[in-house]
N, C-alpha and C. Protein backbone atom coordinates (compact mmCIF):
# COMPACT_ATOMS: atom_id res chain seq x y z
N UNK A 1 68.81 51.97 64.47
CA UNK A 1 67.85 53.00 63.81
C UNK A 1 68.92 53.94 63.16
N UNK A 2 70.40 54.08 62.21
CA UNK A 2 71.32 53.79 62.58
C UNK A 2 71.07 56.23 62.34
N UNK A 3 71.71 56.54 62.99
CA UNK A 3 72.10 58.26 63.03
C UNK A 3 72.88 59.00 61.08
N UNK A 4 72.27 59.36 61.18
CA UNK A 4 72.96 60.51 60.51
C UNK A 4 74.32 60.82 60.38
N UNK A 5 75.18 60.31 59.41
CA UNK A 5 76.60 60.62 59.21
C UNK A 5 77.65 60.48 60.66
N UNK A 6 77.00 59.07 61.04
CA UNK A 6 77.31 57.80 62.32
C UNK A 6 78.16 57.28 61.33
N UNK A 7 78.21 57.13 59.74
CA UNK A 7 79.70 57.01 58.70
C UNK A 7 80.88 58.18 58.72
N UNK A 8 80.53 58.97 58.88
CA UNK A 8 81.38 59.84 58.12
C UNK A 8 82.79 59.70 59.17
N UNK A 9 83.77 60.04 57.84
CA UNK A 9 85.47 59.71 57.66
C UNK A 9 85.65 57.78 57.43
N UNK A 10 84.56 57.00 58.40
CA UNK A 10 84.81 56.16 58.25
C UNK A 10 85.19 55.38 56.98
N UNK A 11 85.69 54.18 56.95
CA UNK A 11 86.22 53.05 56.18
C UNK A 11 85.55 52.02 55.89
N UNK A 12 84.95 51.28 54.64
CA UNK A 12 84.04 50.70 55.04
C UNK A 12 84.49 49.80 53.39
N UNK A 13 84.60 47.98 53.53
CA UNK A 13 84.77 47.06 52.53
C UNK A 13 83.81 46.71 52.56
N UNK A 14 82.47 46.73 51.17
CA UNK A 14 81.41 46.19 51.15
C UNK A 14 81.35 44.87 49.62
N UNK A 15 80.79 43.98 50.36
CA UNK A 15 80.88 42.73 48.90
C UNK A 15 79.56 43.16 48.08
N UNK A 16 79.19 42.60 46.87
CA UNK A 16 78.05 42.93 46.81
C UNK A 16 77.36 43.82 45.63
N UNK A 17 78.09 44.89 45.79
CA UNK A 17 77.60 45.93 45.43
C UNK A 17 76.75 46.47 44.66
N UNK A 18 76.50 45.77 43.79
CA UNK A 18 76.17 46.11 41.85
C UNK A 18 75.19 46.26 41.91
N UNK A 19 74.21 45.37 43.08
CA UNK A 19 72.69 45.66 43.18
C UNK A 19 72.05 45.74 44.24
N UNK A 20 70.39 45.87 44.82
CA UNK A 20 70.08 45.16 45.42
C UNK A 20 70.34 45.68 47.01
N UNK A 21 70.29 45.67 47.87
CA UNK A 21 71.09 45.25 49.27
C UNK A 21 72.28 46.04 49.04
N UNK A 22 73.49 45.29 48.25
CA UNK A 22 74.88 46.34 48.50
C UNK A 22 74.80 47.51 47.67
N UNK A 23 73.62 47.51 47.06
CA UNK A 23 74.20 48.95 45.87
C UNK A 23 73.36 50.15 46.97
N UNK A 24 72.70 49.93 47.53
CA UNK A 24 71.49 50.70 48.56
C UNK A 24 72.73 51.16 49.71
N UNK A 25 72.76 50.36 50.46
CA UNK A 25 73.85 50.67 51.29
C UNK A 25 75.26 50.94 51.01
N UNK A 26 75.66 51.40 49.48
CA UNK A 26 76.82 51.81 49.23
C UNK A 26 76.76 52.92 48.67
N UNK A 27 75.27 53.62 47.84
CA UNK A 27 74.95 54.70 47.79
C UNK A 27 74.44 55.23 49.12
N UNK A 28 74.19 55.14 50.57
CA UNK A 28 73.75 55.74 51.52
C UNK A 28 74.94 55.80 52.35
N UNK A 29 75.93 54.86 52.63
CA UNK A 29 77.47 55.32 53.11
C UNK A 29 78.16 56.23 52.72
N UNK A 30 78.18 56.18 50.87
CA UNK A 30 78.94 57.91 50.68
C UNK A 30 78.25 59.12 51.23
N UNK A 31 76.32 59.05 51.40
CA UNK A 31 76.18 59.92 51.25
C UNK A 31 76.59 60.67 52.48
N UNK A 32 76.65 59.55 53.66
CA UNK A 32 76.37 59.63 55.10
C UNK A 32 78.06 59.55 55.29
N UNK A 33 78.80 60.31 53.82
CA UNK A 33 80.43 61.44 54.16
C UNK A 33 81.15 59.15 54.36
N UNK A 34 80.43 58.88 54.69
CA UNK A 34 81.93 57.13 54.73
C UNK A 34 83.15 56.92 53.18
N UNK A 35 83.98 56.71 53.27
CA UNK A 35 84.67 55.74 52.34
C UNK A 35 84.63 54.40 52.62
N UNK A 36 83.95 54.42 50.98
CA UNK A 36 83.47 52.84 51.30
C UNK A 36 84.84 52.41 49.66
N UNK A 37 84.94 50.94 49.97
CA UNK A 37 85.44 50.02 48.89
C UNK A 37 84.54 49.20 48.57
N UNK A 38 83.85 49.03 47.14
CA UNK A 38 83.09 47.89 47.23
C UNK A 38 83.34 47.17 45.88
N UNK A 39 83.03 45.86 46.21
CA UNK A 39 83.47 44.59 45.19
C UNK A 39 81.86 44.31 44.37
N UNK A 40 82.51 43.68 43.47
CA UNK A 40 80.68 42.95 42.77
C UNK A 40 81.80 41.96 41.89
N UNK A 41 80.95 41.07 40.96
CA UNK A 41 80.89 40.90 39.65
C UNK A 41 81.20 41.29 38.38
N UNK A 42 80.17 42.02 38.64
CA UNK A 42 79.51 43.02 37.30
C UNK A 42 80.02 44.34 37.38
N UNK A 43 81.78 44.52 36.81
CA UNK A 43 82.37 45.59 36.48
C UNK A 43 81.33 46.55 35.96
N UNK A 44 80.30 46.57 35.17
CA UNK A 44 79.40 47.07 34.30
C UNK A 44 78.76 48.08 35.66
N UNK A 45 77.91 47.02 36.58
CA UNK A 45 77.03 47.51 37.26
C UNK A 45 78.07 49.14 38.01
N UNK A 46 79.72 48.10 38.59
CA UNK A 46 79.67 49.49 39.19
C UNK A 46 80.41 50.26 38.91
N UNK A 47 80.46 50.27 37.49
CA UNK A 47 80.47 52.05 36.99
C UNK A 47 79.64 52.41 37.68
N UNK A 48 78.11 51.53 36.95
CA UNK A 48 76.81 52.77 37.40
C UNK A 48 76.83 53.73 38.94
N UNK A 49 77.68 52.70 39.64
CA UNK A 49 76.95 53.01 41.19
C UNK A 49 77.93 54.12 40.78
N UNK A 50 79.43 54.32 40.83
CA UNK A 50 80.42 55.24 40.65
C UNK A 50 80.01 56.39 40.49
N UNK A 51 79.06 56.19 38.83
CA UNK A 51 78.27 57.42 38.32
C UNK A 51 76.93 57.91 38.91
N UNK A 52 76.15 57.11 39.82
CA UNK A 52 75.27 57.16 40.32
C UNK A 52 75.59 57.89 41.78
N UNK A 53 76.81 57.87 42.50
CA UNK A 53 76.78 58.69 43.94
C UNK A 53 77.56 59.71 43.54
N UNK A 54 77.88 59.72 42.48
CA UNK A 54 78.59 61.41 42.10
C UNK A 54 80.26 60.95 42.78
N UNK A 55 80.29 60.38 43.64
CA UNK A 55 81.73 59.74 44.01
C UNK A 55 82.10 61.08 44.19
N UNK A 56 82.30 61.70 45.54
CA UNK A 56 82.27 62.95 46.07
C UNK A 56 83.49 62.57 46.95
N UNK A 57 84.53 63.72 46.50
CA UNK A 57 86.08 63.66 47.36
C UNK A 57 86.30 61.84 46.87
N UNK A 58 86.14 61.28 46.03
CA UNK A 58 86.41 60.22 45.80
C UNK A 58 86.50 58.62 47.00
N UNK A 59 85.03 58.79 47.19
CA UNK A 59 84.84 58.09 48.56
C UNK A 59 84.60 56.60 48.49
N UNK A 60 84.24 56.30 46.57
CA UNK A 60 83.76 55.08 46.57
C UNK A 60 84.99 54.55 45.41
N UNK A 61 85.55 53.49 45.58
CA UNK A 61 86.34 52.45 44.99
C UNK A 61 85.76 51.29 44.61
N UNK A 62 85.33 51.03 43.59
CA UNK A 62 84.72 50.30 43.11
C UNK A 62 85.71 48.97 42.42
N UNK A 63 86.15 47.87 42.78
CA UNK A 63 86.69 46.87 42.50
C UNK A 63 86.24 45.80 42.52
N UNK A 64 86.15 45.20 40.70
CA UNK A 64 85.21 44.03 39.46
C UNK A 64 86.30 43.17 40.58
N UNK A 65 85.45 41.53 41.22
CA UNK A 65 85.37 40.61 41.32
C UNK A 65 84.90 39.93 41.88
N UNK A 66 85.12 38.11 42.41
CA UNK A 66 84.23 36.87 42.90
C UNK A 66 85.37 36.42 43.71
N UNK A 67 84.46 37.05 44.92
CA UNK A 67 85.13 36.80 46.53
C UNK A 67 84.79 34.91 46.32
N UNK A 68 84.30 35.15 45.49
CA UNK A 68 84.03 33.31 45.53
C UNK A 68 84.80 32.16 44.78
N UNK A 69 85.72 32.99 43.91
CA UNK A 69 86.95 32.80 42.92
C UNK A 69 88.53 32.76 43.86
N UNK A 70 89.00 31.51 44.31
CA UNK A 70 90.06 32.06 44.74
C UNK A 70 91.08 32.61 44.30
N UNK A 71 90.91 32.80 42.65
CA UNK A 71 91.91 33.63 42.07
C UNK A 71 91.23 34.85 42.10
N UNK A 72 90.58 35.44 42.46
CA UNK A 72 89.94 36.83 43.19
C UNK A 72 90.66 37.37 44.40
N UNK A 73 90.29 36.02 44.81
CA UNK A 73 91.52 36.81 46.78
C UNK A 73 92.97 37.36 46.80
């Protein structure tokens, strides 16, 4: 079990954040005070993620891209 606020002030890079486990982890990290840079292929879902978190203090940066595509790395 992760202690509440154990991510406060930490910086996290998260892939696959547009749905499922990635979405959940991103929202939890932001709620715990982490600064999150997340990526996923679906730009529309990343925009929804930013809106869903409320993005307090600009804690979430969403970058659309496909890490399996050489051009996006």
